[in-house]
PDB file of N, CA and C in Angstrom:
ATOM      1  N   MET A   1      11.190  86.373 -40.387  1.00  0.00           N
ATOM      2  CA  MET A   1      11.950  87.308 -41.189  1.00  0.00           C
ATOM      3  C   MET A   1      13.132  87.807 -40.361  1.00  0.00           C
ATOM      4  N   ASP A   2      14.346  87.866 -40.939  1.00  0.00           N
ATOM      5  CA  ASP A   2      15.493  88.348 -40.195  1.00  0.00           C
ATOM      6  C   ASP A   2      15.592  89.859 -40.272  1.00  0.00           C
ATOM      7  N   SER A   3      16.529  90.430 -39.521  1.00  0.00           N
ATOM      8  CA  SER A   3      16.635  91.889 -39.433  1.00  0.00           C
ATOM      9  C   SER A   3      17.172  92.533 -40.703  1.00  0.00           C
ATOM     10  N   PHE A   4      17.668  91.735 -41.657  1.00  0.00           N
ATOM     11  CA  PHE A   4      18.201  92.286 -42.891  1.00  0.00           C
ATOM     12  C   PHE A   4      17.192  92.245 -44.027  1.00  0.00           C
ATOM     13  N   SER A   5      16.067  91.623 -43.816  1.00  0.00           N
ATOM     14  CA  SER A   5      15.058  91.496 -44.858  1.00  0.00           C
ATOM     15  C   SER A   5      14.184  92.733 -44.905  1.00  0.00           C
ATOM     16  N   SER A   6      13.744  93.053 -46.082  1.00  0.00           N
ATOM     17  CA  SER A   6      12.822  94.157 -46.258  1.00  0.00           C
ATOM     18  C   SER A   6      11.414  93.656 -45.990  1.00  0.00           C
ATOM     19  N   PRO A   7      10.554  94.479 -45.380  1.00  0.00           N
ATOM     20  CA  PRO A   7       9.204  94.027 -45.105  1.00  0.00           C
ATOM     21  C   PRO A   7       8.376  93.819 -46.365  1.00  0.00           C
ATOM     22  N   SER A   8       8.759  94.439 -47.467  1.00  0.00           N
ATOM     23  CA  SER A   8       8.005  94.243 -48.699  1.00  0.00           C
ATOM     24  C   SER A   8       8.401  92.926 -49.339  1.00  0.00           C
ATOM     25  N   SER A   9       7.473  92.314 -50.042  1.00  0.00           N
ATOM     26  CA  SER A   9       7.754  91.002 -50.615  1.00  0.00           C
ATOM     27  C   SER A   9       8.377  91.086 -51.997  1.00  0.00           C
ATOM     28  N   GLY A  10       8.258  92.198 -52.673  1.00  0.00           N
ATOM     29  CA  GLY A  10       8.807  92.330 -54.019  1.00  0.00           C
ATOM     30  C   GLY A  10      10.254  92.749 -53.998  1.00  0.00           C
ATOM     31  N   SER A  11      10.887  92.704 -55.145  1.00  0.00           N
ATOM     32  CA  SER A  11      12.264  93.146 -55.270  1.00  0.00           C
ATOM     33  C   SER A  11      12.276  94.663 -55.288  1.00  0.00           C
ATOM     34  N   SER A  12      13.116  95.247 -54.468  1.00  0.00           N
ATOM     35  CA  SER A  12      13.159  96.694 -54.355  1.00  0.00           C
ATOM     36  C   SER A  12      14.581  97.175 -54.591  1.00  0.00           C
ATOM     37  N   SER A  13      14.736  98.340 -55.197  1.00  0.00           N
ATOM     38  CA  SER A  13      16.069  98.871 -55.459  1.00  0.00           C
ATOM     39  C   SER A  13      16.741  99.322 -54.166  1.00  0.00           C
ATOM     40  N   SER A  14      15.964  99.582 -53.098  1.00  0.00           N
ATOM     41  CA  SER A  14      16.553 100.000 -51.833  1.00  0.00           C
ATOM     42  C   SER A  14      16.937  98.801 -50.962  1.00  0.00           C
ATOM     43  N   GLN A  15      16.601  97.603 -51.365  1.00  0.00           N
ATOM     44  CA  GLN A  15      16.901  96.405 -50.594  1.00  0.00           C
ATOM     45  C   GLN A  15      18.354  95.994 -50.853  1.00  0.00           C
ATOM     46  N   PHE A  16      19.083  95.691 -49.775  1.00  0.00           N
ATOM     47  CA  PHE A  16      20.459  95.227 -49.914  1.00  0.00           C
ATOM     48  C   PHE A  16      20.475  93.815 -50.465  1.00  0.00           C
ATOM     49  N   SER A  17      21.351  93.579 -51.409  1.00  0.00           N
ATOM     50  CA  SER A  17      21.559  92.209 -51.857  1.00  0.00           C
ATOM     51  C   SER A  17      22.568  91.566 -50.908  1.00  0.00           C
ATOM     52  N   THR A  18      22.682  90.266 -50.974  1.00  0.00           N
ATOM     53  CA  THR A  18      23.649  89.561 -50.150  1.00  0.00           C
ATOM     54  C   THR A  18      25.056  90.044 -50.469  1.00  0.00           C
ATOM     55  N   GLU A  19      25.314  90.284 -51.732  1.00  0.00           N
ATOM     56  CA  GLU A  19      26.635  90.765 -52.153  1.00  0.00           C
ATOM     57  C   GLU A  19      26.925  92.149 -51.569  1.00  0.00           C
ATOM     58  N   ASP A  20      25.930  93.047 -51.590  1.00  0.00           N
ATOM     59  CA  ASP A  20      26.112  94.378 -51.002  1.00  0.00           C
ATOM     60  C   ASP A  20      26.398  94.276 -49.509  1.00  0.00           C
ATOM     61  N   PHE A  21      25.645  93.411 -48.846  1.00  0.00           N
ATOM     62  CA  PHE A  21      25.832  93.222 -47.410  1.00  0.00           C
ATOM     63  C   PHE A  21      27.236  92.698 -47.119  1.00  0.00           C
ATOM     64  N   MET A  22      27.691  91.716 -47.883  1.00  0.00           N
ATOM     65  CA  MET A  22      29.018  91.141 -47.676  1.00  0.00           C
ATOM     66  C   MET A  22      30.111  92.180 -47.940  1.00  0.00           C
ATOM     67  N   ASP A  23      29.934  93.003 -48.981  1.00  0.00           N
ATOM     68  CA  ASP A  23      30.904  94.064 -49.263  1.00  0.00           C
ATOM     69  C   ASP A  23      30.984  95.050 -48.101  1.00  0.00           C
ATOM     70  N   GLN A  24      29.833  95.416 -47.564  1.00  0.00           N
ATOM     71  CA  GLN A  24      29.800  96.347 -46.438  1.00  0.00           C
ATOM     72  C   GLN A  24      30.455  95.712 -45.206  1.00  0.00           C
ATOM     73  N   LEU A  25      30.177  94.450 -44.977  1.00  0.00           N
ATOM     74  CA  LEU A  25      30.769  93.740 -43.843  1.00  0.00           C
ATOM     75  C   LEU A  25      32.292  93.656 -43.985  1.00  0.00           C
ATOM     76  N   LYS A  26      32.775  93.352 -45.191  1.00  0.00           N
ATOM     77  CA  LYS A  26      34.219  93.281 -45.432  1.00  0.00           C
ATOM     78  C   LYS A  26      34.883  94.628 -45.171  1.00  0.00           C
ATOM     79  N   THR A  27      34.237  95.705 -45.599  1.00  0.00           N
ATOM     80  CA  THR A  27      34.771  97.042 -45.383  1.00  0.00           C
ATOM     81  C   THR A  27      34.861  97.350 -43.891  1.00  0.00           C
ATOM     82  N   GLN A  28      33.813  97.010 -43.154  1.00  0.00           N
ATOM     83  CA  GLN A  28      33.808  97.257 -41.712  1.00  0.00           C
ATOM     84  C   GLN A  28      34.856  96.416 -40.997  1.00  0.00           C
ATOM     85  N   LEU A  29      35.026  95.174 -41.421  1.00  0.00           N
ATOM     86  CA  LEU A  29      36.054  94.324 -40.824  1.00  0.00           C
ATOM     87  C   LEU A  29      37.457  94.854 -41.110  1.00  0.00           C
ATOM     88  N   ALA A  30      37.682  95.322 -42.325  1.00  0.00           N
ATOM     89  CA  ALA A  30      38.990  95.880 -42.679  1.00  0.00           C
ATOM     90  C   ALA A  30      39.288  97.123 -41.841  1.00  0.00           C
ATOM     91  N   GLN A  31      38.281  97.951 -41.638  1.00  0.00           N
ATOM     92  CA  GLN A  31      38.455  99.151 -40.821  1.00  0.00           C
ATOM     93  C   GLN A  31      38.746  98.763 -39.365  1.00  0.00           C
ATOM     94  N   ALA A  32      38.030  97.785 -38.841  1.00  0.00           N
ATOM     95  CA  ALA A  32      38.258  97.332 -37.466  1.00  0.00           C
ATOM     96  C   ALA A  32      39.668  96.754 -37.325  1.00  0.00           C
ATOM     97  N   TYR A  33      40.114  95.995 -38.332  1.00  0.00           N
ATOM     98  CA  TYR A  33      41.463  95.433 -38.300  1.00  0.00           C
ATOM     99  C   TYR A  33      42.505  96.555 -38.293  1.00  0.00           C
ATOM    100  N   ALA A  34      42.322  97.565 -39.129  1.00  0.00           N
ATOM    101  CA  ALA A  34      43.274  98.677 -39.195  1.00  0.00           C
ATOM    102  C   ALA A  34      43.340  99.410 -37.855  1.00  0.00           C
ATOM    103  N   GLU A  35      42.192  99.623 -37.232  1.00  0.00           N
ATOM    104  CA  GLU A  35      42.162 100.293 -35.931  1.00  0.00           C
ATOM    105  C   GLU A  35      42.861  99.446 -34.863  1.00  0.00           C
ATOM    106  N   GLU A  36      42.623  98.137 -34.883  1.00  0.00           N
ATOM    107  CA  GLU A  36      43.264  97.245 -33.927  1.00  0.00           C
ATOM    108  C   GLU A  36      44.775  97.220 -34.142  1.00  0.00           C
ATOM    109  N   PHE A  37      45.183  97.197 -35.405  1.00  0.00           N
ATOM    110  CA  PHE A  37      46.606  97.206 -35.734  1.00  0.00           C
ATOM    111  C   PHE A  37      47.284  98.452 -35.158  1.00  0.00           C
ATOM    112  N   LEU A  38      46.686  99.622 -35.411  1.00  0.00           N
ATOM    113  CA  LEU A  38      47.282 100.860 -34.916  1.00  0.00           C
ATOM    114  C   LEU A  38      47.323 100.888 -33.396  1.00  0.00           C
ATOM    115  N   GLU A  39      46.279 100.412 -32.762  1.00  0.00           N
ATOM    116  CA  GLU A  39      46.237 100.376 -31.303  1.00  0.00           C
ATOM    117  C   GLU A  39      47.314  99.441 -30.751  1.00  0.00           C
ATOM    118  N   THR A  40      47.517  98.307 -31.393  1.00  0.00           N
ATOM    119  CA  THR A  40      48.541  97.362 -30.952  1.00  0.00           C
ATOM    120  C   THR A  40      49.928  97.956 -31.109  1.00  0.00           C
ATOM    121  N   VAL A  41      50.178  98.545 -32.265  1.00  0.00           N
ATOM    122  CA  VAL A  41      51.493  99.161 -32.495  1.00  0.00           C
ATOM    123  C   VAL A  41      51.727 100.280 -31.487  1.00  0.00           C
ATOM    124  N   ARG A  42      50.703 101.098 -31.312  1.00  0.00           N
ATOM    125  CA  ARG A  42      50.832 102.207 -30.369  1.00  0.00           C
ATOM    126  C   ARG A  42      51.073 101.702 -28.952  1.00  0.00           C
ATOM    127  N   GLY A  43      50.334 100.701 -28.562  1.00  0.00           N
ATOM    128  CA  GLY A  43      50.440 100.210 -27.196  1.00  0.00           C
ATOM    129  C   GLY A  43      51.641  99.321 -26.976  1.00  0.00           C
ATOM    130  N   LYS A  44      51.614  98.150 -27.558  1.00  0.00           N
ATOM    131  CA  LYS A  44      52.641  97.140 -27.281  1.00  0.00           C
ATOM    132  C   LYS A  44      54.018  97.541 -27.792  1.00  0.00           C
ATOM    133  N   CYS A  45      54.091  97.973 -29.034  1.00  0.00           N
ATOM    134  CA  CYS A  45      55.409  98.284 -29.597  1.00  0.00           C
ATOM    135  C   CYS A  45      56.014  99.525 -28.944  1.00  0.00           C
ATOM    136  N   PHE A  46      55.190 100.525 -28.681  1.00  0.00           N
ATOM    137  CA  PHE A  46      55.708 101.728 -28.026  1.00  0.00           C
ATOM    138  C   PHE A  46      56.208 101.386 -26.632  1.00  0.00           C
ATOM    139  N   GLU A  47      55.389 100.641 -25.883  1.00  0.00           N
ATOM    140  CA  GLU A  47      55.755 100.277 -24.519  1.00  0.00           C
ATOM    141  C   GLU A  47      57.040  99.461 -24.486  1.00  0.00           C
ATOM    142  N   LYS A  48      57.174  98.563 -25.441  1.00  0.00           N
ATOM    143  CA  LYS A  48      58.340  97.686 -25.477  1.00  0.00           C
ATOM    144  C   LYS A  48      59.597  98.413 -25.959  1.00  0.00           C
ATOM    145  N   CYS A  49      59.432  99.291 -26.939  1.00  0.00           N
ATOM    146  CA  CYS A  49      60.601  99.830 -27.640  1.00  0.00           C
ATOM    147  C   CYS A  49      61.052 101.223 -27.201  1.00  0.00           C
ATOM    148  N   ILE A  50      60.144 102.023 -26.717  1.00  0.00           N
ATOM    149  CA  ILE A  50      60.511 103.403 -26.373  1.00  0.00           C
ATOM    150  C   ILE A  50      60.807 103.472 -24.879  1.00  0.00           C
ATOM    151  N   THR A  51      62.088 103.466 -24.562  1.00  0.00           N
ATOM    152  CA  THR A  51      62.485 103.459 -23.157  1.00  0.00           C
ATOM    153  C   THR A  51      62.589 104.864 -22.582  1.00  0.00           C
ATOM    154  N   LYS A  52      62.968 105.819 -23.410  1.00  0.00           N
ATOM    155  CA  LYS A  52      63.096 107.210 -22.958  1.00  0.00           C
ATOM    156  C   LYS A  52      62.420 108.114 -23.990  1.00  0.00           C
ATOM    157  N   PRO A  53      61.112 108.352 -23.831  1.00  0.00           N
ATOM    158  CA  PRO A  53      60.411 109.200 -24.815  1.00  0.00           C
ATOM    159  C   PRO A  53      61.069 110.572 -24.928  1.00  0.00           C
ATOM    160  N   GLY A  54      61.165 111.019 -26.151  1.00  0.00           N
ATOM    161  CA  GLY A  54      61.761 112.323 -26.419  1.00  0.00           C
ATOM    162  C   GLY A  54      61.222 112.869 -27.725  1.00  0.00           C
ATOM    163  N   SER A  55      61.930 113.831 -28.274  1.00  0.00           N
ATOM    164  CA  SER A  55      61.461 114.472 -29.506  1.00  0.00           C
ATOM    165  C   SER A  55      61.802 113.670 -30.757  1.00  0.00           C
ATOM    166  N   SER A  56      62.667 112.658 -30.637  1.00  0.00           N
ATOM    167  CA  SER A  56      62.999 111.812 -31.783  1.00  0.00           C
ATOM    168  C   SER A  56      63.342 110.408 -31.287  1.00  0.00           C
ATOM    169  N   LEU A  57      63.354 109.473 -32.228  1.00  0.00           N
ATOM    170  CA  LEU A  57      63.671 108.088 -31.904  1.00  0.00           C
ATOM    171  C   LEU A  57      65.161 107.841 -32.067  1.00  0.00           C
ATOM    172  N   SER A  58      65.707 107.044 -31.162  1.00  0.00           N
ATOM    173  CA  SER A  58      67.094 106.626 -31.335  1.00  0.00           C
ATOM    174  C   SER A  58      67.121 105.530 -32.391  1.00  0.00           C
ATOM    175  N   GLY A  59      68.282 105.173 -32.848  1.00  0.00           N
ATOM    176  CA  GLY A  59      68.416 104.109 -33.847  1.00  0.00           C
ATOM    177  C   GLY A  59      67.893 102.781 -33.339  1.00  0.00           C
ATOM    178  N   SER A  60      68.205 102.462 -32.089  1.00  0.00           N
ATOM    179  CA  SER A  60      67.748 101.184 -31.529  1.00  0.00           C
ATOM    180  C   SER A  60      66.229 101.181 -31.334  1.00  0.00           C
ATOM    181  N   GLU A  61      65.650 102.321 -30.958  1.00  0.00           N
ATOM    182  CA  GLU A  61      64.193 102.407 -30.815  1.00  0.00           C
ATOM    183  C   GLU A  61      63.501 102.241 -32.161  1.00  0.00           C
ATOM    184  N   SER A  62      64.052 102.868 -33.166  1.00  0.00           N
ATOM    185  CA  SER A  62      63.493 102.763 -34.514  1.00  0.00           C
ATOM    186  C   SER A  62      63.550 101.327 -35.027  1.00  0.00           C
ATOM    187  N   SER A  63      64.696 100.669 -34.823  1.00  0.00           N
ATOM    188  CA  SER A  63      64.842  99.268 -35.233  1.00  0.00           C
ATOM    189  C   SER A  63      63.875  98.374 -34.475  1.00  0.00           C
ATOM    190  N   CYS A  64      63.728  98.612 -33.189  1.00  0.00           N
ATOM    191  CA  CYS A  64      62.825  97.816 -32.359  1.00  0.00           C
ATOM    192  C   CYS A  64      61.386  97.965 -32.847  1.00  0.00           C
ATOM    193  N   ILE A  65      60.956  99.176 -33.131  1.00  0.00           N
ATOM    194  CA  ILE A  65      59.594  99.395 -33.620  1.00  0.00           C
ATOM    195  C   ILE A  65      59.389  98.703 -34.957  1.00  0.00           C
ATOM    196  N   SER A  66      60.368  98.805 -35.845  1.00  0.00           N
ATOM    197  CA  SER A  66      60.260  98.133 -37.147  1.00  0.00           C
ATOM    198  C   SER A  66      60.097  96.629 -36.985  1.00  0.00           C
ATOM    199  N   ARG A  67      60.924  96.028 -36.136  1.00  0.00           N
ATOM    200  CA  ARG A  67      60.826  94.585 -35.904  1.00  0.00           C
ATOM    201  C   ARG A  67      59.495  94.216 -35.263  1.00  0.00           C
ATOM    202  N   CYS A  68      59.048  95.016 -34.315  1.00  0.00           N
ATOM    203  CA  CYS A  68      57.784  94.757 -33.625  1.00  0.00           C
ATOM    204  C   CYS A  68      56.618  94.793 -34.616  1.00  0.00           C
ATOM    205  N   VAL A  69      56.580  95.804 -35.462  1.00  0.00           N
ATOM    206  CA  VAL A  69      55.512  95.924 -36.458  1.00  0.00           C
ATOM    207  C   VAL A  69      55.571  94.759 -37.444  1.00  0.00           C
ATOM    208  N   GLU A  70      56.757  94.417 -37.915  1.00  0.00           N
ATOM    209  CA  GLU A  70      56.909  93.294 -38.849  1.00  0.00           C
ATOM    210  C   GLU A  70      56.425  91.986 -38.235  1.00  0.00           C
ATOM    211  N   ARG A  71      56.773  91.746 -36.973  1.00  0.00           N
ATOM    212  CA  ARG A  71      56.318  90.519 -36.299  1.00  0.00           C
ATOM    213  C   ARG A  71      54.803  90.497 -36.155  1.00  0.00           C
ATOM    214  N   TYR A  72      54.221  91.642 -35.824  1.00  0.00           N
ATOM    215  CA  TYR A  72      52.768  91.703 -35.677  1.00  0.00           C
ATOM    216  C   TYR A  72      52.082  91.432 -37.015  1.00  0.00           C
ATOM    217  N   ILE A  73      52.574  92.035 -38.091  1.00  0.00           N
ATOM    218  CA  ILE A  73      52.002  91.808 -39.423  1.00  0.00           C
ATOM    219  C   ILE A  73      52.130  90.336 -39.798  1.00  0.00           C
ATOM    220  N   GLU A  74      53.294  89.755 -39.565  1.00  0.00           N
ATOM    221  CA  GLU A  74      53.509  88.339 -39.888  1.00  0.00           C
ATOM    222  C   GLU A  74      52.573  87.443 -39.074  1.00  0.00           C
ATOM    223  N   ALA A  75      52.461  87.715 -37.792  1.00  0.00           N
ATOM    224  CA  ALA A  75      51.613  86.893 -36.922  1.00  0.00           C
ATOM    225  C   ALA A  75      50.146  86.986 -37.319  1.00  0.00           C
ATOM    226  N   THR A  76      49.662  88.187 -37.606  1.00  0.00           N
ATOM    227  CA  THR A  76      48.257  88.316 -37.995  1.00  0.00           C
ATOM    228  C   THR A  76      48.001  87.661 -39.345  1.00  0.00           C
ATOM    229  N   GLY A  77      48.980  87.686 -40.229  1.00  0.00           N
ATOM    230  CA  GLY A  77      48.842  86.998 -41.520  1.00  0.00           C
ATOM    231  C   GLY A  77      48.728  85.496 -41.339  1.00  0.00           C
ATOM    232  N   ILE A  78      49.560  84.933 -40.477  1.00  0.00           N
ATOM    233  CA  ILE A  78      49.517  83.492 -40.203  1.00  0.00           C
ATOM    234  C   ILE A  78      48.175  83.114 -39.592  1.00  0.00           C
ATOM    235  N   ILE A  79      47.718  83.898 -38.632  1.00  0.00           N
ATOM    236  CA  ILE A  79      46.437  83.621 -37.982  1.00  0.00           C
ATOM    237  C   ILE A  79      45.296  83.728 -38.974  1.00  0.00           C
ATOM    238  N   SER A  80      45.307  84.760 -39.801  1.00  0.00           N
ATOM    239  CA  SER A  80      44.245  84.943 -40.797  1.00  0.00           C
ATOM    240  C   SER A  80      44.193  83.782 -41.777  1.00  0.00           C
ATOM    241  N   ARG A  81      45.356  83.379 -42.284  1.00  0.00           N
ATOM    242  CA  ARG A  81      45.388  82.250 -43.219  1.00  0.00           C
ATOM    243  C   ARG A  81      44.870  80.974 -42.563  1.00  0.00           C
ATOM    244  N   ALA A  82      45.258  80.755 -41.312  1.00  0.00           N
ATOM    245  CA  ALA A  82      44.804  79.558 -40.601  1.00  0.00           C
ATOM    246  C   ALA A  82      43.298  79.585 -40.401  1.00  0.00           C
ATOM    247  N   MET A  83      42.761  80.734 -40.046  1.00  0.00           N
ATOM    248  CA  MET A  83      41.315  80.844 -39.822  1.00  0.00           C
ATOM    249  C   MET A  83      40.539  80.636 -41.110  1.00  0.00           C
ATOM    250  N   PHE A  84      40.996  81.249 -42.195  1.00  0.00           N
ATOM    251  CA  PHE A  84      40.258  81.143 -43.457  1.00  0.00           C
ATOM    252  C   PHE A  84      40.387  79.751 -44.070  1.00  0.00           C
ATOM    253  N   SER A  85      41.534  79.101 -43.893  1.00  0.00           N
ATOM    254  CA  SER A  85      41.655  77.752 -44.445  1.00  0.00           C
ATOM    255  C   SER A  85      40.866  76.753 -43.606  1.00  0.00           C
ATOM    256  N   ALA A  86      40.727  76.990 -42.326  1.00  0.00           N
ATOM    257  CA  ALA A  86      39.959  76.099 -41.458  1.00  0.00           C
ATOM    258  C   ALA A  86      38.451  76.221 -41.710  1.00  0.00           C
ATOM    259  N   SER A  87      38.019  77.395 -42.170  1.00  0.00           N
ATOM    260  CA  SER A  87      36.593  77.613 -42.375  1.00  0.00           C
ATOM    261  C   SER A  87      36.105  77.049 -43.715  1.00  0.00           C
ATOM    262  N   ARG A  88      37.000  76.587 -44.532  1.00  0.00           N
ATOM    263  CA  ARG A  88      36.599  76.052 -45.846  1.00  0.00           C
ATOM    264  C   ARG A  88      36.275  74.609 -45.789  1.00  0.00           C
TER     265      ARG A  88
END
């Protein structure tokens, strides 16, 4: 018996279905992706684009952050599509 199975042999309303488990897993993965995205933007894009931290962003800093975020979104989209198409 695996760790997701209920010890009872009958169908129970408290038992997770495969669909419920997959929905929960998708939600957790989406949350992990969002956290990783924010950490990457905060770390890499800030380090690359903010040369003189202050109370506001200069025009060039703002443009740099926008481009950095766009590239990260594009790259993760390409990687995700490649991974999902390879798994089929």
